[in-house]
Amino acid sequence: MTSEPGEGDDARLSDAQLRALILGRDGQGAARLAFWQAATGGLAAPDAALERQLATDILATMGQVPPERLRARRGPMLARAASALRASAALSPAGLRHAAAPGDVAISHLSHDFNGFFAVESLTLDHRRFDGATLGPVRREVFVACDAVTVLPWDPVRDRVLLVEQMRVGPLARGAANPWQLEAVAGRVDAGETPEQAARREAREEAGLTLGRLVQVAAYYPSPGAVSEFLWSYVAPVDLPDGRAGIHGLAEEAEDIRGHLLPFDKALELVASGEIANAPLILTLFWLAGQRDTLRAALI
């Protein structure tokens, strides 16, 4: 077996699958190896599966994105690679919808138009139609984001919730007069952690809360027509005495987050008035409206 220049010093290539992915048999192994090593800076991912997925994502950008840009965005890229692994491993029930089969979607071209904290990709694809014919080629653009969580702290004794408020660039970019939003605690799922662990971490960072039980509300794509982001939403029964809300957030992430304690019914009033205009929070509040008596009976 011949070696490519530079591979002998890289312990990561002891993984045979990773080695085959990068070096291949097409004579381009040296170029792929150099690009991958430059993009990763020689740093190893937390586990072998994540290393392979990250390498797949990195090599897909070769010739389109400079390796130093990828290296500077290692954290978001690891999170997106972990999201891809979770997506491929997740159950995909198809009792009513079409059960996807190999070949139902064929991507003929993929371009990486932007790669930063988020990414934007353009795809040219064909896909199976419901009548059995093929639709395409069609061009689609997708905003690529990693998996994320939301968690609504709820006090079952006082029947109050804790909301967080912060300025959001989405409404700002749309042209909203007031870009400050009322939300549930939220954040991305980092590589190496579960959605539940991410929810607990974000509650500490954004609200100063240590959570116990988490009740899953739903797991879903909030905007699948153009965005890859997948959310897990939770309710967290927790003690919320007067004075529990405050100003939190991580300085290194430029966060400025204010907490609000309010009765549950008041939160529903804010949905009706339009002051709460955040989809995951609305979904969670409506779910809790139907479940809180049952939850309270089980908890108190």
C-alpha atoms as a PDB file:
ATOM      1  CA  MET A   1       0.000   0.000   0.000  1.00  0.00           C
ATOM      2  CA  THR A   2       1.415   3.379  -1.005  1.00  0.00           C
ATOM      3  CA  SER A   3       1.265   6.388   1.265  1.00  0.00           C
ATOM      4  CA  GLU A   4       0.392   9.948   0.408  1.00  0.00           C
ATOM      5  CA  PRO A   5       2.722  12.745   1.545  1.00  0.00           C
ATOM      6  CA  GLY A   6       1.703  13.933   5.012  1.00  0.00           C
ATOM      7  CA  GLU A   7      -0.414  10.968   6.046  1.00  0.00           C
ATOM      8  CA  GLY A   8       2.223   9.165   8.084  1.00  0.00           C
ATOM      9  CA  ASP A   9       2.103  11.657  10.945  1.00  0.00           C
ATOM     10  CA  ASP A  10      -1.700  11.783  11.193  1.00  0.00           C
ATOM     11  CA  ALA A  11      -2.978   9.282  13.757  1.00  0.00           C
ATOM     12  CA  ARG A  12      -6.575   9.923  12.676  1.00  0.00           C
ATOM     13  CA  LEU A  13      -5.940   7.929   9.511  1.00  0.00           C
ATOM     14  CA  SER A  14      -5.656   4.736  11.544  1.00  0.00           C
ATOM     15  CA  ASP A  15      -9.438   4.600  11.016  1.00  0.00           C
ATOM     16  CA  ALA A  16      -9.702   2.574   7.808  1.00  0.00           C
ATOM     17  CA  GLN A  17     -13.028   4.133   6.789  1.00  0.00           C
ATOM     18  CA  LEU A  18     -11.691   7.651   7.232  1.00  0.00           C
ATOM     19  CA  ARG A  19      -8.529   6.763   5.349  1.00  0.00           C
ATOM     20  CA  ALA A  20     -10.510   5.368   2.420  1.00  0.00           C
ATOM     21  CA  LEU A  21     -12.791   8.422   2.402  1.00  0.00           C
ATOM     22  CA  ILE A  22      -9.902  10.868   2.193  1.00  0.00           C
ATOM     23  CA  LEU A  23      -7.307   9.029   0.123  1.00  0.00           C
ATOM     24  CA  GLY A  24      -9.605   7.158  -2.260  1.00  0.00           C
ATOM     25  CA  ARG A  25      -8.292   5.464  -5.402  1.00  0.00           C
ATOM     26  CA  ASP A  26      -8.705   8.210  -7.978  1.00  0.00           C
ATOM     27  CA  GLY A  27      -5.275   9.808  -7.756  1.00  0.00           C
ATOM     28  CA  GLN A  28      -6.624  12.856  -5.898  1.00  0.00           C
ATOM     29  CA  GLY A  29      -5.857  11.563  -2.418  1.00  0.00           C
ATOM     30  CA  ALA A  30      -2.918  13.879  -1.791  1.00  0.00           C
ATOM     31  CA  ALA A  31      -5.004  16.965  -2.611  1.00  0.00           C
ATOM     32  CA  ARG A  32      -7.891  15.820  -0.409  1.00  0.00           C
ATOM     33  CA  LEU A  33      -5.516  14.966   2.429  1.00  0.00           C
ATOM     34  CA  ALA A  34      -3.849  18.377   2.314  1.00  0.00           C
ATOM     35  CA  PHE A  35      -7.210  20.187   2.207  1.00  0.00           C
ATOM     36  CA  TRP A  36      -8.666  18.142   5.083  1.00  0.00           C
ATOM     37  CA  GLN A  37      -5.585  18.583   7.258  1.00  0.00           C
ATOM     38  CA  ALA A  38      -5.521  22.332   6.603  1.00  0.00           C
ATOM     39  CA  ALA A  39      -9.256  22.650   7.324  1.00  0.00           C
ATOM     40  CA  THR A  40      -9.036  20.736  10.612  1.00  0.00           C
ATOM     41  CA  GLY A  41      -5.692  22.102  11.750  1.00  0.00           C
ATOM     42  CA  GLY A  42      -4.779  18.558  12.742  1.00  0.00           C
ATOM     43  CA  LEU A  43      -7.389  18.515  15.520  1.00  0.00           C
ATOM     44  CA  ALA A  44      -9.277  15.291  16.160  1.00  0.00           C
ATOM     45  CA  ALA A  45     -13.055  15.125  16.528  1.00  0.00           C
ATOM     46  CA  PRO A  46     -14.518  13.638  19.741  1.00  0.00           C
ATOM     47  CA  ASP A  47     -15.226  10.245  18.146  1.00  0.00           C
ATOM     48  CA  ALA A  48     -14.621   8.285  14.953  1.00  0.00           C
ATOM     49  CA  ALA A  49     -18.134   8.612  13.513  1.00  0.00           C
ATOM     50  CA  LEU A  50     -18.068  12.375  13.974  1.00  0.00           C
ATOM     51  CA  GLU A  51     -14.579  12.518  12.441  1.00  0.00           C
ATOM     52  CA  ARG A  52     -15.831  10.746   9.323  1.00  0.00           C
ATOM     53  CA  GLN A  53     -18.918  12.933   8.984  1.00  0.00           C
ATOM     54  CA  LEU A  54     -16.863  16.082   9.495  1.00  0.00           C
ATOM     55  CA  ALA A  55     -14.411  14.910   6.826  1.00  0.00           C
ATOM     56  CA  THR A  56     -17.307  14.251   4.441  1.00  0.00           C
ATOM     57  CA  ASP A  57     -18.624  17.774   5.006  1.00  0.00           C
ATOM     58  CA  ILE A  58     -15.178  19.334   4.636  1.00  0.00           C
ATOM     59  CA  LEU A  59     -14.337  17.492   1.420  1.00  0.00           C
ATOM     60  CA  ALA A  60     -17.691  18.511  -0.081  1.00  0.00           C
ATOM     61  CA  THR A  61     -16.515  22.136   0.057  1.00  0.00           C
ATOM     62  CA  MET A  62     -13.134  21.509  -1.573  1.00  0.00           C
ATOM     63  CA  GLY A  63     -12.514  24.013  -4.345  1.00  0.00           C
ATOM     64  CA  GLN A  64     -15.311  26.266  -3.087  1.00  0.00           C
ATOM     65  CA  VAL A  65     -14.381  27.297   0.473  1.00  0.00           C
ATOM     66  CA  PRO A  66     -10.830  28.120   1.644  1.00  0.00           C
ATOM     67  CA  PRO A  67      -9.593  25.665   4.301  1.00  0.00           C
ATOM     68  CA  GLU A  68      -8.691  28.466   6.705  1.00  0.00           C
ATOM     69  CA  ARG A  69     -12.336  29.594   6.735  1.00  0.00           C
ATOM     70  CA  LEU A  70     -13.440  26.075   7.632  1.00  0.00           C
ATOM     71  CA  ARG A  71     -10.813  25.890  10.359  1.00  0.00           C
ATOM     72  CA  ALA A  72     -12.063  29.157  11.867  1.00  0.00           C
ATOM     73  CA  ARG A  73     -15.609  27.726  11.958  1.00  0.00           C
ATOM     74  CA  ARG A  74     -14.720  24.373  13.476  1.00  0.00           C
ATOM     75  CA  GLY A  75     -17.304  24.572  16.283  1.00  0.00           C
ATOM     76  CA  PRO A  76     -20.324  25.168  14.026  1.00  0.00           C
ATOM     77  CA  MET A  77     -19.073  22.572  11.545  1.00  0.00           C
ATOM     78  CA  LEU A  78     -18.738  19.957  14.286  1.00  0.00           C
ATOM     79  CA  ALA A  79     -22.255  20.789  15.464  1.00  0.00           C
ATOM     80  CA  ARG A  80     -23.619  20.441  11.929  1.00  0.00           C
ATOM     81  CA  ALA A  81     -21.780  17.129  11.460  1.00  0.00           C
ATOM     82  CA  ALA A  82     -23.289  15.852  14.713  1.00  0.00           C
ATOM     83  CA  SER A  83     -26.716  16.965  13.463  1.00  0.00           C
ATOM     84  CA  ALA A  84     -26.240  14.931  10.292  1.00  0.00           C
ATOM     85  CA  LEU A  85     -25.372  11.836  12.329  1.00  0.00           C
ATOM     86  CA  ARG A  86     -28.459  12.264  14.513  1.00  0.00           C
ATOM     87  CA  ALA A  87     -30.634  12.725  11.429  1.00  0.00           C
ATOM     88  CA  SER A  88     -29.332   9.580   9.741  1.00  0.00           C
ATOM     89  CA  ALA A  89     -29.821   7.509  12.904  1.00  0.00           C
ATOM     90  CA  ALA A  90     -33.290   8.812  13.806  1.00  0.00           C
ATOM     91  CA  LEU A  91     -36.461   6.798  13.390  1.00  0.00           C
ATOM     92  CA  SER A  92     -38.406   7.932  10.321  1.00  0.00           C
ATOM     93  CA  PRO A  93     -42.006   6.687  10.579  1.00  0.00           C
ATOM     94  CA  ALA A  94     -43.985   6.676   7.326  1.00  0.00           C
ATOM     95  CA  GLY A  95     -47.483   5.451   8.095  1.00  0.00           C
ATOM     96  CA  LEU A  96     -49.167   8.198   6.056  1.00  0.00           C
ATOM     97  CA  ARG A  97     -46.387   9.975   4.176  1.00  0.00           C
ATOM     98  CA  HIS A  98     -44.271   8.545   1.366  1.00  0.00           C
ATOM     99  CA  ALA A  99     -41.663   6.037   2.549  1.00  0.00           C
ATOM    100  CA  ALA A 100     -38.449   7.257   0.942  1.00  0.00           C
ATOM    101  CA  ALA A 101     -36.410   4.640  -0.914  1.00  0.00           C
ATOM    102  CA  PRO A 102     -32.862   4.731  -2.320  1.00  0.00           C
ATOM    103  CA  GLY A 103     -32.852   6.741  -5.538  1.00  0.00           C
ATOM    104  CA  ASP A 104     -35.964   8.773  -4.747  1.00  0.00           C
ATOM    105  CA  VAL A 105     -33.827  11.920  -4.537  1.00  0.00           C
ATOM    106  CA  ALA A 106     -30.713  12.410  -6.678  1.00  0.00           C
ATOM    107  CA  ILE A 107     -28.475  15.452  -6.192  1.00  0.00           C
ATOM    108  CA  SER A 108     -26.556  16.249  -9.370  1.00  0.00           C
ATOM    109  CA  HIS A 109     -24.843  19.429  -8.176  1.00  0.00           C
ATOM    110  CA  LEU A 110     -24.135  20.968  -4.776  1.00  0.00           C
ATOM    111  CA  SER A 111     -22.520  24.354  -4.280  1.00  0.00           C
ATOM    112  CA  HIS A 112     -21.486  25.937  -0.995  1.00  0.00           C
ATOM    113  CA  ASP A 113     -22.461  29.574  -1.387  1.00  0.00           C
ATOM    114  CA  PHE A 114     -21.601  30.607   2.166  1.00  0.00           C
ATOM    115  CA  ASN A 115     -19.945  28.909   5.122  1.00  0.00           C
ATOM    116  CA  GLY A 116     -19.849  30.725   8.451  1.00  0.00           C
ATOM    117  CA  PHE A 117     -21.633  30.123  11.736  1.00  0.00           C
ATOM    118  CA  PHE A 118     -24.429  29.008   9.420  1.00  0.00           C
ATOM    119  CA  ALA A 119     -24.104  27.836   5.822  1.00  0.00           C
ATOM    120  CA  VAL A 120     -26.037  28.334   2.605  1.00  0.00           C
ATOM    121  CA  GLU A 121     -26.049  25.615  -0.036  1.00  0.00           C
ATOM    122  CA  SER A 122     -27.534  25.425  -3.534  1.00  0.00           C
ATOM    123  CA  LEU A 123     -28.647  22.028  -4.806  1.00  0.00           C
ATOM    124  CA  THR A 124     -29.680  20.811  -8.232  1.00  0.00           C
ATOM    125  CA  LEU A 125     -31.754  17.667  -7.813  1.00  0.00           C
ATOM    126  CA  ASP A 126     -34.340  15.299  -9.220  1.00  0.00           C
ATOM    127  CA  HIS A 127     -36.917  13.558  -7.052  1.00  0.00           C
ATOM    128  CA  ARG A 128     -39.664  11.015  -7.393  1.00  0.00           C
ATOM    129  CA  ARG A 129     -43.165  12.395  -7.995  1.00  0.00           C
ATOM    130  CA  PHE A 130     -46.272  10.921  -6.420  1.00  0.00           C
ATOM    131  CA  ASP A 131     -47.358   9.542  -9.813  1.00  0.00           C
ATOM    132  CA  GLY A 132     -44.071   7.636 -10.128  1.00  0.00           C
ATOM    133  CA  ALA A 133     -42.461   9.964 -12.661  1.00  0.00           C
ATOM    134  CA  THR A 134     -39.390  12.091 -11.961  1.00  0.00           C
ATOM    135  CA  LEU A 135     -39.474  15.817 -11.222  1.00  0.00           C
ATOM    136  CA  GLY A 136     -36.406  17.787 -12.169  1.00  0.00           C
ATOM    137  CA  PRO A 137     -33.826  18.927 -12.447  1.00  0.00           C
ATOM    138  CA  VAL A 138     -34.819  21.673 -10.020  1.00  0.00           C
ATOM    139  CA  ARG A 139     -32.625  24.115  -8.111  1.00  0.00           C
ATOM    140  CA  ARG A 140     -33.167  24.663  -4.404  1.00  0.00           C
ATOM    141  CA  GLU A 141     -31.341  26.748  -1.821  1.00  0.00           C
ATOM    142  CA  VAL A 142     -31.110  25.714   1.825  1.00  0.00           C
ATOM    143  CA  PHE A 143     -30.008  27.515   4.973  1.00  0.00           C
ATOM    144  CA  VAL A 144     -27.965  24.919   6.861  1.00  0.00           C
ATOM    145  CA  ALA A 145     -28.091  25.125  10.657  1.00  0.00           C
ATOM    146  CA  CYS A 146     -27.352  22.598  13.368  1.00  0.00           C
ATOM    147  CA  ASP A 147     -29.865  20.941  15.688  1.00  0.00           C
ATOM    148  CA  ALA A 148     -31.195  23.078  18.531  1.00  0.00           C
ATOM    149  CA  VAL A 149     -33.385  22.938  21.631  1.00  0.00           C
ATOM    150  CA  THR A 150     -35.932  25.085  23.410  1.00  0.00           C
ATOM    151  CA  VAL A 151     -37.004  24.661  27.020  1.00  0.00           C
ATOM    152  CA  LEU A 152     -39.797  26.454  28.876  1.00  0.00           C
ATOM    153  CA  PRO A 153     -39.321  26.568  32.670  1.00  0.00           C
ATOM    154  CA  TRP A 154     -42.728  26.122  34.339  1.00  0.00           C
ATOM    155  CA  ASP A 155     -43.595  26.195  38.030  1.00  0.00           C
ATOM    156  CA  PRO A 156     -46.485  23.728  38.509  1.00  0.00           C
ATOM    157  CA  VAL A 157     -47.296  25.035  42.019  1.00  0.00           C
ATOM    158  CA  ARG A 158     -47.476  28.732  41.134  1.00  0.00           C
ATOM    159  CA  ASP A 159     -48.525  28.030  37.514  1.00  0.00           C
ATOM    160  CA  ARG A 160     -46.021  30.520  36.179  1.00  0.00           C
ATOM    161  CA  VAL A 161     -43.436  30.381  33.432  1.00  0.00           C
ATOM    162  CA  LEU A 162     -40.080  31.996  32.818  1.00  0.00           C
ATOM    163  CA  LEU A 163     -39.623  33.613  29.420  1.00  0.00           C
ATOM    164  CA  VAL A 164     -36.438  35.152  28.089  1.00  0.00           C
ATOM    165  CA  GLU A 165     -36.111  38.290  26.004  1.00  0.00           C
ATOM    166  CA  GLN A 166     -33.347  39.278  23.610  1.00  0.00           C
ATOM    167  CA  MET A 167     -32.752  41.194  20.410  1.00  0.00           C
ATOM    168  CA  ARG A 168     -33.015  38.928  17.364  1.00  0.00           C
ATOM    169  CA  VAL A 169     -31.544  39.632  13.946  1.00  0.00           C
ATOM    170  CA  GLY A 170     -34.249  37.645  12.114  1.00  0.00           C
ATOM    171  CA  PRO A 171     -36.998  40.195  12.836  1.00  0.00           C
ATOM    172  CA  LEU A 172     -34.452  42.978  12.322  1.00  0.00           C
ATOM    173  CA  ALA A 173     -33.582  41.694   8.837  1.00  0.00           C
ATOM    174  CA  ARG A 174     -37.290  41.396   8.002  1.00  0.00           C
ATOM    175  CA  GLY A 175     -37.789  45.055   8.869  1.00  0.00           C
ATOM    176  CA  ALA A 176     -39.643  44.668  12.167  1.00  0.00           C
ATOM    177  CA  ALA A 177     -39.998  47.880  14.161  1.00  0.00           C
ATOM    178  CA  ASN A 178     -39.171  45.985  17.371  1.00  0.00           C
ATOM    179  CA  PRO A 179     -36.647  43.133  17.029  1.00  0.00           C
ATOM    180  CA  TRP A 180     -36.712  42.214  20.754  1.00  0.00           C
ATOM    181  CA  GLN A 181     -38.401  38.840  21.111  1.00  0.00           C
ATOM    182  CA  LEU A 182     -40.014  36.886  23.950  1.00  0.00           C
ATOM    183  CA  GLU A 183     -38.916  33.255  23.771  1.00  0.00           C
ATOM    184  CA  ALA A 184     -38.297  30.033  25.591  1.00  0.00           C
ATOM    185  CA  VAL A 185     -34.706  29.334  26.599  1.00  0.00           C
ATOM    186  CA  ALA A 186     -33.004  28.120  23.415  1.00  0.00           C
ATOM    187  CA  GLY A 187     -29.684  27.176  21.874  1.00  0.00           C
ATOM    188  CA  ARG A 188     -27.843  24.775  19.628  1.00  0.00           C
ATOM    189  CA  VAL A 189     -26.953  21.185  20.442  1.00  0.00           C
ATOM    190  CA  ASP A 190     -23.157  21.063  20.468  1.00  0.00           C
ATOM    191  CA  ALA A 191     -21.163  18.096  19.206  1.00  0.00           C
ATOM    192  CA  GLY A 192     -20.770  15.509  21.952  1.00  0.00           C
ATOM    193  CA  GLU A 193     -23.947  16.358  23.866  1.00  0.00           C
ATOM    194  CA  THR A 194     -27.537  15.135  23.737  1.00  0.00           C
ATOM    195  CA  PRO A 195     -30.510  17.453  23.230  1.00  0.00           C
ATOM    196  CA  GLU A 196     -31.377  17.017  26.921  1.00  0.00           C
ATOM    197  CA  GLN A 197     -27.859  18.015  27.957  1.00  0.00           C
ATOM    198  CA  ALA A 198     -28.056  21.041  25.672  1.00  0.00           C
ATOM    199  CA  ALA A 199     -31.371  22.096  27.241  1.00  0.00           C
ATOM    200  CA  ARG A 200     -29.881  21.914  30.730  1.00  0.00           C
ATOM    201  CA  ARG A 201     -26.771  23.833  29.677  1.00  0.00           C
ATOM    202  CA  GLU A 202     -28.777  26.567  27.985  1.00  0.00           C
ATOM    203  CA  ALA A 203     -31.027  26.938  31.037  1.00  0.00           C
ATOM    204  CA  ARG A 204     -27.950  27.593  33.175  1.00  0.00           C
ATOM    205  CA  GLU A 205     -26.485  30.047  30.679  1.00  0.00           C
ATOM    206  CA  GLU A 206     -29.628  31.966  29.736  1.00  0.00           C
ATOM    207  CA  ALA A 207     -31.710  31.821  32.906  1.00  0.00           C
ATOM    208  CA  GLY A 208     -29.424  30.758  35.760  1.00  0.00           C
ATOM    209  CA  LEU A 209     -31.552  27.654  36.344  1.00  0.00           C
ATOM    210  CA  THR A 210     -30.552  24.104  37.241  1.00  0.00           C
ATOM    211  CA  LEU A 211     -33.215  21.839  35.794  1.00  0.00           C
ATOM    212  CA  GLY A 212     -34.481  18.503  37.017  1.00  0.00           C
ATOM    213  CA  ARG A 213     -37.079  16.688  34.954  1.00  0.00           C
ATOM    214  CA  LEU A 214     -37.502  17.503  31.270  1.00  0.00           C
ATOM    215  CA  VAL A 215     -40.758  16.731  29.466  1.00  0.00           C
ATOM    216  CA  GLN A 216     -40.446  16.555  25.689  1.00  0.00           C
ATOM    217  CA  VAL A 217     -43.115  18.483  23.818  1.00  0.00           C
ATOM    218  CA  ALA A 218     -42.101  17.690  20.240  1.00  0.00           C
ATOM    219  CA  ALA A 219     -39.170  17.171  17.890  1.00  0.00           C
ATOM    220  CA  TYR A 220     -39.619  18.893  14.546  1.00  0.00           C
ATOM    221  CA  TYR A 221     -38.417  20.974  11.614  1.00  0.00           C
ATOM    222  CA  PRO A 222     -39.708  24.543  12.171  1.00  0.00           C
ATOM    223  CA  SER A 223     -39.271  25.598   8.517  1.00  0.00           C
ATOM    224  CA  PRO A 224     -38.412  22.591   6.311  1.00  0.00           C
ATOM    225  CA  GLY A 225     -38.997  24.371   3.010  1.00  0.00           C
ATOM    226  CA  ALA A 226     -35.674  26.171   3.236  1.00  0.00           C
ATOM    227  CA  VAL A 227     -33.977  25.516   6.603  1.00  0.00           C
ATOM    228  CA  SER A 228     -32.277  22.334   7.854  1.00  0.00           C
ATOM    229  CA  GLU A 229     -32.603  23.225  11.553  1.00  0.00           C
ATOM    230  CA  PHE A 230     -34.275  20.551  13.719  1.00  0.00           C
ATOM    231  CA  LEU A 231     -35.634  21.387  17.166  1.00  0.00           C
ATOM    232  CA  TRP A 232     -36.393  19.526  20.357  1.00  0.00           C
ATOM    233  CA  SER A 233     -38.800  21.481  22.566  1.00  0.00           C
ATOM    234  CA  TYR A 234     -39.185  20.747  26.277  1.00  0.00           C
ATOM    235  CA  VAL A 235     -41.096  21.884  29.337  1.00  0.00           C
ATOM    236  CA  ALA A 236     -39.092  21.864  32.581  1.00  0.00           C
ATOM    237  CA  PRO A 237     -41.075  21.735  35.849  1.00  0.00           C
ATOM    238  CA  VAL A 238     -39.027  23.851  38.260  1.00  0.00           C
ATOM    239  CA  ASP A 239     -39.401  26.096  41.312  1.00  0.00           C
ATOM    240  CA  LEU A 240     -39.771  29.726  40.179  1.00  0.00           C
ATOM    241  CA  PRO A 241     -40.099  31.970  43.255  1.00  0.00           C
ATOM    242  CA  ASP A 242     -40.331  35.757  43.075  1.00  0.00           C
ATOM    243  CA  GLY A 243     -37.034  37.317  42.072  1.00  0.00           C
ATOM    244  CA  ARG A 244     -35.887  34.253  40.125  1.00  0.00           C
ATOM    245  CA  ALA A 245     -35.713  36.090  36.798  1.00  0.00           C
ATOM    246  CA  GLY A 246     -32.654  38.164  36.003  1.00  0.00           C
ATOM    247  CA  ILE A 247     -30.248  39.188  33.266  1.00  0.00           C
ATOM    248  CA  HIS A 248     -28.037  36.401  31.965  1.00  0.00           C
ATOM    249  CA  GLY A 249     -26.100  35.236  28.909  1.00  0.00           C
ATOM    250  CA  LEU A 250     -22.504  34.503  27.981  1.00  0.00           C
ATOM    251  CA  ALA A 251     -20.317  37.535  27.373  1.00  0.00           C
ATOM    252  CA  GLU A 252     -18.127  35.566  24.962  1.00  0.00           C
ATOM    253  CA  GLU A 253     -21.217  34.913  22.813  1.00  0.00           C
ATOM    254  CA  ALA A 254     -22.362  38.567  23.010  1.00  0.00           C
ATOM    255  CA  GLU A 255     -25.573  37.528  24.760  1.00  0.00           C
ATOM    256  CA  ASP A 256     -27.799  39.999  26.600  1.00  0.00           C
ATOM    257  CA  ILE A 257     -30.805  38.059  27.897  1.00  0.00           C
ATOM    258  CA  ARG A 258     -33.497  39.259  30.295  1.00  0.00           C
ATOM    259  CA  GLY A 259     -35.810  36.860  32.105  1.00  0.00           C
ATOM    260  CA  HIS A 260     -39.499  37.440  32.835  1.00  0.00           C
ATOM    261  CA  LEU A 261     -41.651  35.592  35.369  1.00  0.00           C
ATOM    262  CA  LEU A 262     -45.347  35.656  34.535  1.00  0.00           C
ATOM    263  CA  PRO A 263     -48.513  33.641  35.128  1.00  0.00           C
ATOM    264  CA  PHE A 264     -49.199  31.002  32.514  1.00  0.00           C
ATOM    265  CA  ASP A 265     -52.495  32.617  31.505  1.00  0.00           C
ATOM    266  CA  LYS A 266     -50.682  35.923  30.956  1.00  0.00           C
ATOM    267  CA  ALA A 267     -48.315  34.175  28.562  1.00  0.00           C
ATOM    268  CA  LEU A 268     -51.321  32.960  26.562  1.00  0.00           C
ATOM    269  CA  GLU A 269     -52.648  36.529  26.485  1.00  0.00           C
ATOM    270  CA  LEU A 270     -49.338  37.660  24.984  1.00  0.00           C
ATOM    271  CA  VAL A 271     -49.730  35.040  22.257  1.00  0.00           C
ATOM    272  CA  ALA A 272     -53.211  36.362  21.475  1.00  0.00           C
ATOM    273  CA  SER A 273     -51.987  39.969  21.391  1.00  0.00           C
ATOM    274  CA  GLY A 274     -49.067  39.134  19.103  1.00  0.00           C
ATOM    275  CA  GLU A 275     -46.392  40.201  21.573  1.00  0.00           C
ATOM    276  CA  ILE A 276     -45.229  36.590  21.647  1.00  0.00           C
ATOM    277  CA  ALA A 277     -44.440  35.815  18.004  1.00  0.00           C
ATOM    278  CA  ASN A 278     -41.923  32.995  18.422  1.00  0.00           C
ATOM    279  CA  ALA A 279     -43.103  29.694  16.941  1.00  0.00           C
ATOM    280  CA  PRO A 280     -41.426  27.202  19.320  1.00  0.00           C
ATOM    281  CA  LEU A 281     -42.683  29.156  22.338  1.00  0.00           C
ATOM    282  CA  ILE A 282     -46.224  29.324  20.931  1.00  0.00           C
ATOM    283  CA  LEU A 283     -46.166  25.582  20.202  1.00  0.00           C
ATOM    284  CA  THR A 284     -44.918  24.836  23.721  1.00  0.00           C
ATOM    285  CA  LEU A 285     -47.441  27.112  25.443  1.00  0.00           C
ATOM    286  CA  PHE A 286     -50.355  25.577  23.535  1.00  0.00           C
ATOM    287  CA  TRP A 287     -49.089  22.081  24.353  1.00  0.00           C
ATOM    288  CA  LEU A 288     -48.759  22.975  28.021  1.00  0.00           C
ATOM    289  CA  ALA A 289     -52.254  24.489  28.028  1.00  0.00           C
ATOM    290  CA  GLY A 290     -53.611  21.043  27.250  1.00  0.00           C
ATOM    291  CA  GLN A 291     -51.240  19.069  29.484  1.00  0.00           C
ATOM    292  CA  ARG A 292     -50.545  21.147  32.578  1.00  0.00           C
ATOM    293  CA  ASP A 293     -53.374  19.776  34.724  1.00  0.00           C
ATOM    294  CA  THR A 294     -52.189  16.223  34.068  1.00  0.00           C
ATOM    295  CA  LEU A 295     -48.566  17.180  34.661  1.00  0.00           C
ATOM    296  CA  ARG A 296     -49.396  19.082  37.832  1.00  0.00           C
ATOM    297  CA  ALA A 297     -51.341  16.135  39.230  1.00  0.00           C
ATOM    298  CA  ALA A 298     -48.357  13.872  38.621  1.00  0.00           C
ATOM    299  CA  LEU A 299     -45.849  16.301  40.137  1.00  0.00           C
ATOM    300  CA  ILE A 300     -47.545  17.788  43.190  1.00  0.00           C
END
